[in-house]
Amino acid sequence: MTRSAAQTIIPALALTLLFATSCLGGSSRLGLSFSPSPGAQLSRAAVQLVVVDGRQSKNLVGPEAMNRDLFTGSQSGLVDFKVSLPTGETISRSMLTIEAAVFEAVSERLKLQGITAQTGTNGAKARVTVNIVDLSIDLKGSDLASHVRLDAVMDRPGMDLVVRSSAEADASRRKLVGDMGGADSLSEAITLAVNRVDFSGLDRFPQ
């Protein structure tokens, strides 16, 4: 091999190694998924859905995992989100905020219960405000542990009726290589928490 040929190959090899290292380092966004449970059928109606990020810390990744440089691609707070419906259909969204991801999850859960979620008030018989109290993942011992808590308030402006429902869930996966398994842990916690929120109080509001 000539000297000039070697000089051409070495930079190309260095670039390839740099790309591979960045991929292994978790530079991509966290890919989360949600599987809605049908739940009890409610009276068909439209509601205004509002999702509020009320987390004390807006970091998706906890301090221990952050100290270990895990989930480095999630520091922006954006995630890729996939909803797997009972019909086998999947809905995929990219670069969502946590609020937007929870909005998607709650909307699909409500849809299976006969409720259409919308952002506006036109034709809505009630307002559903979902507060994200916690939605995070961290390293606990040898596990990647996730926790999600959601507080839902159902009301209607001008009507003296307020219905509340809270749900939380924990999920964990054994840490193997890097942050592998973390997405599954957080996806499970999100699925459990959203599906545990009781929206039956919406039937108490007149159309």
N, C-alpha and C. Protein backbone atom coordinates (compact mmCIF):
# COMPACT_ATOMS: atom_id res chain seq x y z
N MET A 1 0.85 -1.20 0.00
CA MET A 1 0.00 0.00 0.00
C MET A 1 0.88 1.25 0.00
N THR A 2 0.56 2.20 -0.83
CA THR A 2 1.36 3.42 -0.91
C THR A 2 1.02 4.34 0.25
N ARG A 3 1.91 5.30 0.50
CA ARG A 3 1.70 6.25 1.59
C ARG A 3 0.45 7.08 1.36
N SER A 4 0.20 7.52 0.12
CA SER A 4 -0.97 8.35 -0.18
C SER A 4 -2.26 7.57 0.04
N ALA A 5 -2.25 6.26 -0.33
CA ALA A 5 -3.45 5.44 -0.15
C ALA A 5 -3.75 5.27 1.33
N ALA A 6 -2.70 5.06 2.14
CA ALA A 6 -2.89 4.91 3.58
C ALA A 6 -3.42 6.19 4.20
N GLN A 7 -2.94 7.34 3.73
CA GLN A 7 -3.42 8.62 4.26
C GLN A 7 -4.89 8.83 3.94
N THR A 8 -5.37 8.24 2.83
CA THR A 8 -6.78 8.37 2.47
C THR A 8 -7.65 7.46 3.31
N ILE A 9 -7.17 6.25 3.60
CA ILE A 9 -7.97 5.25 4.31
C ILE A 9 -8.10 5.59 5.79
N ILE A 10 -7.00 6.08 6.39
CA ILE A 10 -7.02 6.33 7.84
C ILE A 10 -8.08 7.34 8.25
N PRO A 11 -8.22 8.51 7.59
CA PRO A 11 -9.29 9.44 7.99
C PRO A 11 -10.66 8.83 7.83
N ALA A 12 -10.88 8.05 6.76
CA ALA A 12 -12.18 7.42 6.55
C ALA A 12 -12.49 6.44 7.66
N LEU A 13 -11.46 5.66 8.07
CA LEU A 13 -11.65 4.71 9.16
C LEU A 13 -11.94 5.43 10.46
N ALA A 14 -11.27 6.53 10.69
CA ALA A 14 -11.50 7.31 11.91
C ALA A 14 -12.93 7.83 11.95
N LEU A 15 -13.44 8.28 10.80
CA LEU A 15 -14.81 8.79 10.73
C LEU A 15 -15.81 7.68 11.01
N THR A 16 -15.54 6.49 10.48
CA THR A 16 -16.43 5.34 10.71
C THR A 16 -16.47 4.98 12.18
N LEU A 17 -15.29 4.96 12.85
CA LEU A 17 -15.23 4.65 14.26
C LEU A 17 -15.93 5.70 15.10
N LEU A 18 -15.81 6.96 14.71
CA LEU A 18 -16.47 8.04 15.43
C LEU A 18 -17.98 7.89 15.36
N PHE A 19 -18.50 7.53 14.18
CA PHE A 19 -19.95 7.34 14.00
C PHE A 19 -20.44 6.17 14.84
N ALA A 20 -19.68 5.08 14.83
CA ALA A 20 -20.08 3.89 15.60
C ALA A 20 -20.09 4.19 17.08
N THR A 21 -19.08 4.94 17.54
CA THR A 21 -18.99 5.28 18.96
C THR A 21 -20.16 6.14 19.38
N SER A 22 -20.55 7.09 18.53
CA SER A 22 -21.67 7.96 18.88
C SER A 22 -22.97 7.18 18.96
N CYS A 23 -23.13 6.17 18.10
CA CYS A 23 -24.34 5.35 18.15
C CYS A 23 -24.38 4.53 19.43
N LEU A 24 -23.23 3.93 19.81
CA LEU A 24 -23.17 3.13 21.01
C LEU A 24 -23.36 3.99 22.24
N GLY A 25 -23.01 5.25 22.16
CA GLY A 25 -23.12 6.14 23.30
C GLY A 25 -24.53 6.60 23.57
N GLY A 26 -25.52 6.18 22.77
CA GLY A 26 -26.90 6.53 23.03
C GLY A 26 -27.25 7.93 22.59
N SER A 27 -26.76 8.35 21.43
CA SER A 27 -27.00 9.72 21.00
C SER A 27 -28.41 9.90 20.46
N SER A 28 -29.12 8.81 20.20
CA SER A 28 -30.47 8.94 19.66
C SER A 28 -31.47 9.22 20.77
N ARG A 29 -32.65 9.75 20.40
CA ARG A 29 -33.70 10.01 21.38
C ARG A 29 -34.23 8.70 21.95
N LEU A 30 -34.79 8.79 23.13
CA LEU A 30 -35.39 7.62 23.75
C LEU A 30 -36.66 7.27 22.99
N GLY A 31 -36.78 6.02 22.58
CA GLY A 31 -37.97 5.57 21.86
C GLY A 31 -38.93 4.87 22.81
N LEU A 32 -40.08 5.49 23.07
CA LEU A 32 -41.05 4.95 24.01
C LEU A 32 -42.27 4.42 23.28
N SER A 33 -42.99 3.52 23.93
CA SER A 33 -44.20 2.95 23.33
C SER A 33 -45.31 2.88 24.37
N PHE A 34 -46.55 2.79 23.89
CA PHE A 34 -47.73 2.76 24.76
C PHE A 34 -48.77 1.85 24.15
N SER A 35 -49.39 1.03 24.98
CA SER A 35 -50.45 0.13 24.52
C SER A 35 -51.71 0.41 25.33
N PRO A 36 -52.69 1.11 24.74
CA PRO A 36 -53.89 1.47 25.50
C PRO A 36 -54.77 0.26 25.79
N SER A 37 -55.36 0.28 26.98
CA SER A 37 -56.32 -0.74 27.37
C SER A 37 -57.72 -0.18 27.16
N PRO A 38 -58.64 -0.97 26.61
CA PRO A 38 -59.98 -0.45 26.30
C PRO A 38 -60.70 0.15 27.51
N GLY A 39 -60.66 -0.53 28.66
CA GLY A 39 -61.36 0.00 29.81
C GLY A 39 -62.87 -0.05 29.61
N ALA A 40 -63.60 0.54 30.56
CA ALA A 40 -65.07 0.54 30.48
C ALA A 40 -65.54 1.51 29.42
N GLN A 41 -66.58 1.12 28.68
CA GLN A 41 -67.15 2.01 27.68
C GLN A 41 -67.93 3.13 28.35
N LEU A 42 -67.69 4.35 27.90
CA LEU A 42 -68.37 5.52 28.43
C LEU A 42 -69.33 6.08 27.39
N SER A 43 -70.21 6.96 27.84
CA SER A 43 -71.13 7.60 26.90
C SER A 43 -70.33 8.40 25.89
N ARG A 44 -70.62 8.19 24.63
CA ARG A 44 -69.85 8.85 23.57
C ARG A 44 -69.98 10.36 23.68
N ALA A 45 -68.83 11.02 23.67
CA ALA A 45 -68.81 12.47 23.80
C ALA A 45 -67.43 12.98 23.42
N ALA A 46 -67.33 14.30 23.34
CA ALA A 46 -66.05 14.96 23.10
C ALA A 46 -65.65 15.70 24.37
N VAL A 47 -64.37 15.71 24.67
CA VAL A 47 -63.87 16.44 25.84
C VAL A 47 -62.66 17.26 25.42
N GLN A 48 -62.44 18.32 26.17
CA GLN A 48 -61.21 19.09 25.97
C GLN A 48 -60.13 18.46 26.83
N LEU A 49 -59.02 18.09 26.21
CA LEU A 49 -57.91 17.46 26.93
C LEU A 49 -56.75 18.45 27.06
N VAL A 50 -56.31 18.65 28.28
CA VAL A 50 -55.18 19.52 28.57
C VAL A 50 -54.15 18.71 29.36
N VAL A 51 -52.91 18.72 28.91
CA VAL A 51 -51.84 18.02 29.62
C VAL A 51 -50.83 19.05 30.12
N VAL A 52 -50.53 18.98 31.40
CA VAL A 52 -49.62 19.93 32.04
C VAL A 52 -48.41 19.17 32.58
N ASP A 53 -47.23 19.65 32.26
CA ASP A 53 -46.01 19.05 32.80
C ASP A 53 -45.71 19.68 34.15
N GLY A 54 -46.16 19.02 35.20
CA GLY A 54 -45.98 19.57 36.55
C GLY A 54 -44.83 18.94 37.30
N ARG A 55 -43.91 18.30 36.60
CA ARG A 55 -42.77 17.68 37.26
C ARG A 55 -41.87 18.73 37.92
N GLN A 56 -41.39 18.44 39.11
CA GLN A 56 -40.46 19.36 39.77
C GLN A 56 -39.18 19.50 38.96
N SER A 57 -38.70 18.36 38.45
CA SER A 57 -37.54 18.38 37.58
C SER A 57 -37.98 17.99 36.19
N LYS A 58 -37.63 18.81 35.21
CA LYS A 58 -38.03 18.52 33.84
C LYS A 58 -37.07 17.53 33.17
N ASN A 59 -36.08 17.05 33.91
CA ASN A 59 -35.16 16.06 33.36
C ASN A 59 -35.84 14.70 33.32
N LEU A 60 -35.86 14.09 32.17
CA LEU A 60 -36.41 12.76 32.02
C LEU A 60 -35.54 11.73 32.71
N VAL A 61 -34.24 12.00 32.76
CA VAL A 61 -33.26 11.07 33.31
C VAL A 61 -32.86 11.51 34.72
N GLY A 62 -32.87 10.56 35.66
CA GLY A 62 -32.53 10.86 37.04
C GLY A 62 -31.04 11.08 37.24
N PRO A 63 -30.65 11.56 38.42
CA PRO A 63 -29.25 11.94 38.67
C PRO A 63 -28.26 10.79 38.58
N GLU A 64 -28.62 9.59 39.08
CA GLU A 64 -27.68 8.47 39.05
C GLU A 64 -27.40 8.04 37.61
N ALA A 65 -28.46 7.94 36.80
CA ALA A 65 -28.27 7.57 35.39
C ALA A 65 -27.52 8.65 34.64
N MET A 66 -27.77 9.90 35.01
CA MET A 66 -27.08 11.01 34.35
C MET A 66 -25.59 10.99 34.69
N ASN A 67 -25.26 10.66 35.93
CA ASN A 67 -23.86 10.58 36.33
C ASN A 67 -23.12 9.47 35.60
N ARG A 68 -23.85 8.44 35.17
CA ARG A 68 -23.23 7.34 34.44
C ARG A 68 -23.29 7.56 32.93
N ASP A 69 -23.73 8.76 32.51
CA ASP A 69 -23.84 9.10 31.09
C ASP A 69 -24.79 8.16 30.34
N LEU A 70 -25.86 7.75 31.01
CA LEU A 70 -26.88 6.94 30.35
C LEU A 70 -27.94 7.84 29.74
N PHE A 71 -28.55 7.39 28.66
CA PHE A 71 -29.62 8.12 27.97
C PHE A 71 -29.19 9.53 27.58
N THR A 72 -27.96 9.64 27.09
CA THR A 72 -27.45 10.97 26.73
C THR A 72 -28.25 11.60 25.61
N GLY A 73 -28.91 10.80 24.79
CA GLY A 73 -29.72 11.36 23.70
C GLY A 73 -31.04 11.92 24.16
N SER A 74 -31.36 11.75 25.46
CA SER A 74 -32.66 12.21 25.97
C SER A 74 -32.55 13.52 26.74
N GLN A 75 -31.37 14.13 26.74
CA GLN A 75 -31.20 15.36 27.50
C GLN A 75 -32.03 16.51 26.94
N SER A 76 -32.42 16.42 25.67
CA SER A 76 -33.23 17.48 25.07
C SER A 76 -34.66 17.44 25.60
N GLY A 77 -35.07 16.31 26.20
CA GLY A 77 -36.44 16.17 26.68
C GLY A 77 -37.40 15.70 25.62
N LEU A 78 -36.90 15.47 24.39
CA LEU A 78 -37.77 14.99 23.31
C LEU A 78 -37.65 13.48 23.18
N VAL A 79 -38.77 12.84 22.82
CA VAL A 79 -38.79 11.39 22.66
C VAL A 79 -39.49 11.03 21.36
N ASP A 80 -39.21 9.82 20.89
CA ASP A 80 -39.99 9.24 19.81
C ASP A 80 -41.03 8.35 20.47
N PHE A 81 -42.26 8.38 19.96
CA PHE A 81 -43.37 7.73 20.66
C PHE A 81 -44.19 6.89 19.70
N LYS A 82 -44.47 5.66 20.12
CA LYS A 82 -45.28 4.75 19.30
C LYS A 82 -46.45 4.23 20.12
N VAL A 83 -47.64 4.28 19.52
CA VAL A 83 -48.84 3.74 20.16
C VAL A 83 -49.24 2.48 19.41
N SER A 84 -49.34 1.37 20.13
CA SER A 84 -49.75 0.10 19.55
C SER A 84 -51.20 -0.17 19.93
N LEU A 85 -52.11 -0.10 18.97
CA LEU A 85 -53.53 -0.25 19.22
C LEU A 85 -53.93 -1.73 19.24
N PRO A 86 -55.05 -2.07 19.91
CA PRO A 86 -55.51 -3.45 19.95
C PRO A 86 -55.80 -4.03 18.56
N THR A 87 -56.06 -3.17 17.58
CA THR A 87 -56.34 -3.62 16.22
C THR A 87 -55.09 -4.09 15.49
N GLY A 88 -53.94 -3.84 16.07
CA GLY A 88 -52.67 -4.16 15.42
C GLY A 88 -52.06 -2.96 14.71
N GLU A 89 -52.84 -1.89 14.62
CA GLU A 89 -52.33 -0.66 13.98
C GLU A 89 -51.37 0.04 14.94
N THR A 90 -50.37 0.69 14.38
CA THR A 90 -49.43 1.46 15.19
C THR A 90 -49.41 2.90 14.70
N ILE A 91 -49.26 3.81 15.65
CA ILE A 91 -49.15 5.24 15.36
C ILE A 91 -47.80 5.69 15.88
N SER A 92 -46.98 6.22 15.01
CA SER A 92 -45.63 6.64 15.39
C SER A 92 -45.47 8.14 15.24
N ARG A 93 -44.87 8.76 16.25
CA ARG A 93 -44.59 10.19 16.24
C ARG A 93 -43.12 10.39 16.63
N SER A 94 -42.49 11.38 16.03
CA SER A 94 -41.08 11.67 16.32
C SER A 94 -40.93 13.03 16.97
N MET A 95 -39.91 13.14 17.82
CA MET A 95 -39.53 14.39 18.45
C MET A 95 -40.69 15.05 19.20
N LEU A 96 -41.32 14.28 20.09
CA LEU A 96 -42.41 14.82 20.90
C LEU A 96 -41.89 15.28 22.25
N THR A 97 -42.50 16.31 22.79
CA THR A 97 -42.25 16.67 24.17
C THR A 97 -42.95 15.64 25.05
N ILE A 98 -42.63 15.61 26.34
CA ILE A 98 -43.28 14.69 27.25
C ILE A 98 -44.78 14.98 27.30
N GLU A 99 -45.16 16.27 27.32
CA GLU A 99 -46.59 16.62 27.34
C GLU A 99 -47.30 16.07 26.11
N ALA A 100 -46.67 16.21 24.94
CA ALA A 100 -47.29 15.74 23.70
C ALA A 100 -47.42 14.22 23.69
N ALA A 101 -46.42 13.52 24.22
CA ALA A 101 -46.47 12.06 24.27
C ALA A 101 -47.61 11.60 25.18
N VAL A 102 -47.74 12.22 26.34
CA VAL A 102 -48.82 11.85 27.26
C VAL A 102 -50.18 12.21 26.65
N PHE A 103 -50.25 13.33 25.95
CA PHE A 103 -51.48 13.71 25.26
C PHE A 103 -51.89 12.62 24.27
N GLU A 104 -50.93 12.12 23.48
CA GLU A 104 -51.21 11.05 22.52
C GLU A 104 -51.72 9.81 23.24
N ALA A 105 -51.05 9.44 24.34
CA ALA A 105 -51.42 8.23 25.07
C ALA A 105 -52.83 8.33 25.65
N VAL A 106 -53.11 9.44 26.33
CA VAL A 106 -54.43 9.61 26.94
C VAL A 106 -55.52 9.69 25.87
N SER A 107 -55.23 10.37 24.77
CA SER A 107 -56.21 10.49 23.68
C SER A 107 -56.61 9.12 23.15
N GLU A 108 -55.62 8.25 22.93
CA GLU A 108 -55.92 6.92 22.40
C GLU A 108 -56.65 6.06 23.42
N ARG A 109 -56.30 6.22 24.69
CA ARG A 109 -57.02 5.48 25.73
C ARG A 109 -58.48 5.92 25.77
N LEU A 110 -58.72 7.23 25.75
CA LEU A 110 -60.09 7.74 25.78
C LEU A 110 -60.88 7.31 24.55
N LYS A 111 -60.21 7.28 23.41
CA LYS A 111 -60.89 6.90 22.17
C LYS A 111 -61.45 5.49 22.28
N LEU A 112 -60.69 4.59 22.91
CA LEU A 112 -61.17 3.22 23.08
C LEU A 112 -62.36 3.14 24.03
N GLN A 113 -62.53 4.18 24.85
CA GLN A 113 -63.66 4.23 25.77
C GLN A 113 -64.84 5.01 25.19
N GLY A 114 -64.71 5.44 23.93
CA GLY A 114 -65.80 6.16 23.28
C GLY A 114 -65.72 7.66 23.40
N ILE A 115 -64.60 8.18 23.89
CA ILE A 115 -64.44 9.63 24.11
C ILE A 115 -63.46 10.21 23.09
N THR A 116 -63.85 11.30 22.47
CA THR A 116 -62.98 12.00 21.53
C THR A 116 -62.30 13.15 22.26
N ALA A 117 -60.97 13.13 22.29
CA ALA A 117 -60.21 14.18 22.95
C ALA A 117 -59.83 15.25 21.94
N GLN A 118 -59.96 16.50 22.32
CA GLN A 118 -59.62 17.62 21.45
C GLN A 118 -58.97 18.72 22.27
N THR A 119 -58.33 19.64 21.58
CA THR A 119 -57.65 20.73 22.29
C THR A 119 -58.59 21.90 22.57
N GLY A 120 -59.62 22.07 21.76
CA GLY A 120 -60.55 23.18 21.92
C GLY A 120 -61.76 22.82 22.77
N THR A 121 -62.58 23.83 23.03
CA THR A 121 -63.76 23.65 23.87
C THR A 121 -65.03 23.42 23.08
N ASN A 122 -65.01 23.65 21.78
CA ASN A 122 -66.22 23.58 20.96
C ASN A 122 -66.82 22.17 20.99
N GLY A 123 -68.03 22.07 21.53
CA GLY A 123 -68.72 20.79 21.59
C GLY A 123 -68.26 19.87 22.70
N ALA A 124 -67.32 20.30 23.52
CA ALA A 124 -66.80 19.45 24.60
C ALA A 124 -67.72 19.51 25.81
N LYS A 125 -68.08 18.36 26.34
CA LYS A 125 -68.99 18.35 27.50
C LYS A 125 -68.22 18.50 28.81
N ALA A 126 -66.92 18.33 28.78
CA ALA A 126 -66.11 18.47 29.99
C ALA A 126 -64.67 18.75 29.61
N ARG A 127 -63.92 19.14 30.61
CA ARG A 127 -62.48 19.36 30.42
C ARG A 127 -61.73 18.33 31.26
N VAL A 128 -60.72 17.72 30.65
CA VAL A 128 -59.87 16.76 31.35
C VAL A 128 -58.46 17.34 31.41
N THR A 129 -58.00 17.63 32.60
CA THR A 129 -56.64 18.16 32.78
C THR A 129 -55.79 17.07 33.42
N VAL A 130 -54.76 16.65 32.71
CA VAL A 130 -53.86 15.62 33.22
C VAL A 130 -52.54 16.28 33.60
N ASN A 131 -52.22 16.19 34.87
CA ASN A 131 -50.97 16.77 35.37
C ASN A 131 -49.93 15.66 35.51
N ILE A 132 -48.78 15.85 34.85
CA ILE A 132 -47.69 14.89 34.96
C ILE A 132 -46.89 15.23 36.21
N VAL A 133 -47.13 14.48 37.28
CA VAL A 133 -46.44 14.74 38.54
C VAL A 133 -45.02 14.20 38.47
N ASP A 134 -44.87 13.02 37.86
CA ASP A 134 -43.54 12.44 37.70
C ASP A 134 -43.55 11.54 36.47
N LEU A 135 -42.48 11.57 35.74
CA LEU A 135 -42.26 10.68 34.60
C LEU A 135 -40.75 10.68 34.38
N SER A 136 -40.10 9.64 34.90
CA SER A 136 -38.64 9.66 34.90
C SER A 136 -38.07 8.25 34.96
N ILE A 137 -36.80 8.15 34.65
CA ILE A 137 -36.08 6.89 34.73
C ILE A 137 -34.72 7.15 35.37
N ASP A 138 -34.30 6.20 36.20
CA ASP A 138 -33.02 6.37 36.88
C ASP A 138 -32.40 5.00 37.14
N LEU A 139 -31.16 5.03 37.55
CA LEU A 139 -30.45 3.80 37.88
C LEU A 139 -30.56 3.57 39.38
N LYS A 140 -31.11 2.40 39.75
CA LYS A 140 -31.24 2.04 41.15
C LYS A 140 -30.60 0.67 41.35
N GLY A 141 -29.42 0.67 41.94
CA GLY A 141 -28.68 -0.58 42.07
C GLY A 141 -28.28 -1.08 40.70
N SER A 142 -28.71 -2.29 40.38
CA SER A 142 -28.40 -2.86 39.07
C SER A 142 -29.60 -2.79 38.12
N ASP A 143 -30.61 -2.00 38.50
CA ASP A 143 -31.82 -1.90 37.68
C ASP A 143 -31.99 -0.50 37.09
N LEU A 144 -32.61 -0.46 35.92
CA LEU A 144 -33.08 0.79 35.32
C LEU A 144 -34.54 0.93 35.74
N ALA A 145 -34.81 1.83 36.66
CA ALA A 145 -36.13 1.93 37.27
C ALA A 145 -36.86 3.17 36.80
N SER A 146 -38.15 3.01 36.48
CA SER A 146 -38.98 4.11 36.00
C SER A 146 -40.16 4.33 36.93
N HIS A 147 -40.59 5.57 37.02
CA HIS A 147 -41.76 5.91 37.83
C HIS A 147 -42.60 6.95 37.09
N VAL A 148 -43.90 6.73 37.06
CA VAL A 148 -44.82 7.66 36.43
C VAL A 148 -46.00 7.90 37.36
N ARG A 149 -46.35 9.16 37.56
CA ARG A 149 -47.56 9.50 38.32
C ARG A 149 -48.33 10.56 37.56
N LEU A 150 -49.62 10.32 37.41
CA LEU A 150 -50.51 11.24 36.70
C LEU A 150 -51.70 11.59 37.59
N ASP A 151 -52.03 12.87 37.66
CA ASP A 151 -53.22 13.33 38.37
C ASP A 151 -54.19 13.93 37.35
N ALA A 152 -55.40 13.39 37.31
CA ALA A 152 -56.39 13.88 36.34
C ALA A 152 -57.53 14.59 37.06
N VAL A 153 -57.94 15.71 36.50
CA VAL A 153 -59.07 16.48 37.03
C VAL A 153 -60.08 16.65 35.90
N MET A 154 -61.31 16.24 36.16
CA MET A 154 -62.39 16.40 35.18
C MET A 154 -63.37 17.45 35.71
N ASP A 155 -63.58 18.49 34.94
CA ASP A 155 -64.51 19.53 35.36
C ASP A 155 -65.15 20.17 34.13
N ARG A 156 -65.97 21.15 34.40
CA ARG A 156 -66.64 21.87 33.33
C ARG A 156 -66.84 23.31 33.78
N PRO A 157 -66.25 24.25 33.07
CA PRO A 157 -66.38 25.67 33.47
C PRO A 157 -67.84 26.06 33.66
N GLY A 158 -68.13 26.67 34.79
CA GLY A 158 -69.48 27.11 35.08
C GLY A 158 -70.34 26.06 35.75
N MET A 159 -69.80 24.86 35.97
CA MET A 159 -70.55 23.77 36.59
C MET A 159 -69.87 23.36 37.89
N ASP A 160 -70.64 23.20 38.95
CA ASP A 160 -70.09 22.88 40.26
C ASP A 160 -69.90 21.37 40.41
N LEU A 161 -69.00 20.82 39.60
CA LEU A 161 -68.70 19.39 39.65
C LEU A 161 -67.23 19.19 39.27
N VAL A 162 -66.49 18.54 40.15
CA VAL A 162 -65.08 18.25 39.90
C VAL A 162 -64.83 16.78 40.27
N VAL A 163 -64.28 16.03 39.33
CA VAL A 163 -63.97 14.63 39.57
C VAL A 163 -62.46 14.44 39.43
N ARG A 164 -61.85 13.77 40.38
CA ARG A 164 -60.41 13.58 40.36
C ARG A 164 -60.04 12.11 40.29
N SER A 165 -58.94 11.83 39.65
CA SER A 165 -58.42 10.46 39.59
C SER A 165 -56.91 10.52 39.46
N SER A 166 -56.22 9.69 40.23
CA SER A 166 -54.76 9.65 40.18
C SER A 166 -54.30 8.23 39.93
N ALA A 167 -53.17 8.11 39.29
CA ALA A 167 -52.61 6.78 39.03
C ALA A 167 -51.10 6.90 38.95
N GLU A 168 -50.41 5.86 39.43
CA GLU A 168 -48.96 5.83 39.30
C GLU A 168 -48.51 4.40 39.08
N ALA A 169 -47.31 4.27 38.58
CA ALA A 169 -46.78 2.95 38.26
C ALA A 169 -45.26 2.97 38.29
N ASP A 170 -44.70 1.83 38.65
CA ASP A 170 -43.25 1.62 38.64
C ASP A 170 -42.94 0.44 37.73
N ALA A 171 -41.81 0.49 37.09
CA ALA A 171 -41.36 -0.62 36.26
C ALA A 171 -39.84 -0.59 36.22
N SER A 172 -39.23 -1.75 36.08
CA SER A 172 -37.77 -1.79 36.06
C SER A 172 -37.28 -2.91 35.14
N ARG A 173 -36.06 -2.74 34.68
CA ARG A 173 -35.38 -3.75 33.88
C ARG A 173 -33.94 -3.86 34.39
N ARG A 174 -33.42 -5.06 34.37
CA ARG A 174 -32.04 -5.25 34.80
C ARG A 174 -31.11 -4.58 33.79
N LYS A 175 -30.20 -3.75 34.29
CA LYS A 175 -29.24 -3.07 33.42
C LYS A 175 -28.24 -4.08 32.89
N LEU A 176 -28.13 -4.17 31.57
CA LEU A 176 -27.20 -5.10 30.95
C LEU A 176 -26.03 -4.35 30.32
N VAL A 177 -26.24 -3.78 29.14
CA VAL A 177 -25.20 -3.04 28.44
C VAL A 177 -25.68 -1.61 28.23
N GLY A 178 -24.92 -0.64 28.74
CA GLY A 178 -25.30 0.76 28.55
C GLY A 178 -26.67 1.02 29.15
N ASP A 179 -27.55 1.64 28.33
CA ASP A 179 -28.89 1.94 28.82
C ASP A 179 -29.95 1.03 28.18
N MET A 180 -29.52 -0.11 27.64
CA MET A 180 -30.47 -1.03 27.03
C MET A 180 -31.48 -1.52 28.06
N GLY A 181 -32.74 -1.50 27.69
CA GLY A 181 -33.81 -1.91 28.60
C GLY A 181 -34.52 -0.73 29.23
N GLY A 182 -33.89 0.44 29.20
CA GLY A 182 -34.51 1.61 29.81
C GLY A 182 -35.78 2.04 29.12
N ALA A 183 -35.79 1.99 27.80
CA ALA A 183 -36.99 2.37 27.05
C ALA A 183 -38.15 1.45 27.39
N ASP A 184 -37.87 0.15 27.54
CA ASP A 184 -38.92 -0.81 27.89
C ASP A 184 -39.46 -0.52 29.29
N SER A 185 -38.57 -0.18 30.21
CA SER A 185 -38.98 0.13 31.58
C SER A 185 -39.90 1.33 31.62
N LEU A 186 -39.52 2.42 30.98
CA LEU A 186 -40.32 3.63 31.00
C LEU A 186 -41.61 3.45 30.21
N SER A 187 -41.57 2.71 29.11
CA SER A 187 -42.78 2.44 28.32
C SER A 187 -43.80 1.66 29.15
N GLU A 188 -43.32 0.69 29.91
CA GLU A 188 -44.23 -0.09 30.76
C GLU A 188 -44.87 0.78 31.83
N ALA A 189 -44.08 1.65 32.45
CA ALA A 189 -44.61 2.53 33.50
C ALA A 189 -45.65 3.49 32.93
N ILE A 190 -45.39 4.04 31.75
CA ILE A 190 -46.35 4.95 31.11
C ILE A 190 -47.64 4.21 30.79
N THR A 191 -47.52 3.00 30.22
CA THR A 191 -48.69 2.22 29.86
C THR A 191 -49.53 1.89 31.09
N LEU A 192 -48.89 1.45 32.15
CA LEU A 192 -49.62 1.10 33.37
C LEU A 192 -50.31 2.32 33.97
N ALA A 193 -49.61 3.44 34.06
CA ALA A 193 -50.18 4.64 34.70
C ALA A 193 -51.36 5.18 33.91
N VAL A 194 -51.20 5.35 32.60
CA VAL A 194 -52.30 5.91 31.79
C VAL A 194 -53.51 4.99 31.84
N ASN A 195 -53.30 3.68 31.74
CA ASN A 195 -54.42 2.75 31.75
C ASN A 195 -55.09 2.62 33.11
N ARG A 196 -54.42 3.07 34.16
CA ARG A 196 -55.01 3.02 35.50
C ARG A 196 -55.84 4.26 35.84
N VAL A 197 -55.70 5.33 35.07
CA VAL A 197 -56.50 6.53 35.34
C VAL A 197 -57.97 6.21 35.09
N ASP A 198 -58.81 6.54 36.05
CA ASP A 198 -60.25 6.25 35.96
C ASP A 198 -60.98 7.47 35.37
N PHE A 199 -61.45 7.32 34.14
CA PHE A 199 -62.16 8.41 33.48
C PHE A 199 -63.68 8.22 33.52
N SER A 200 -64.17 7.27 34.33
CA SER A 200 -65.61 7.01 34.37
C SER A 200 -66.40 8.20 34.88
N GLY A 201 -65.75 9.10 35.62
CA GLY A 201 -66.43 10.30 36.11
C GLY A 201 -66.97 11.19 35.01
N LEU A 202 -66.47 11.00 33.77
CA LEU A 202 -66.97 11.81 32.65
C LEU A 202 -68.43 11.57 32.38
N ASP A 203 -68.95 10.40 32.76
CA ASP A 203 -70.38 10.12 32.55
C ASP A 203 -71.27 10.93 33.48
N ARG A 204 -70.69 11.59 34.47
CA ARG A 204 -71.48 12.42 35.37
C ARG A 204 -71.77 13.80 34.80
N PHE A 205 -71.08 14.12 33.71
CA PHE A 205 -71.30 15.42 33.07
C PHE A 205 -72.34 15.30 31.96
N PRO A 206 -73.35 16.17 31.95
CA PRO A 206 -74.38 16.10 30.89
C PRO A 206 -73.80 16.54 29.55
N GLN A 207 -74.37 16.01 28.50
CA GLN A 207 -73.91 16.37 27.15
C GLN A 207 -74.32 17.82 26.84
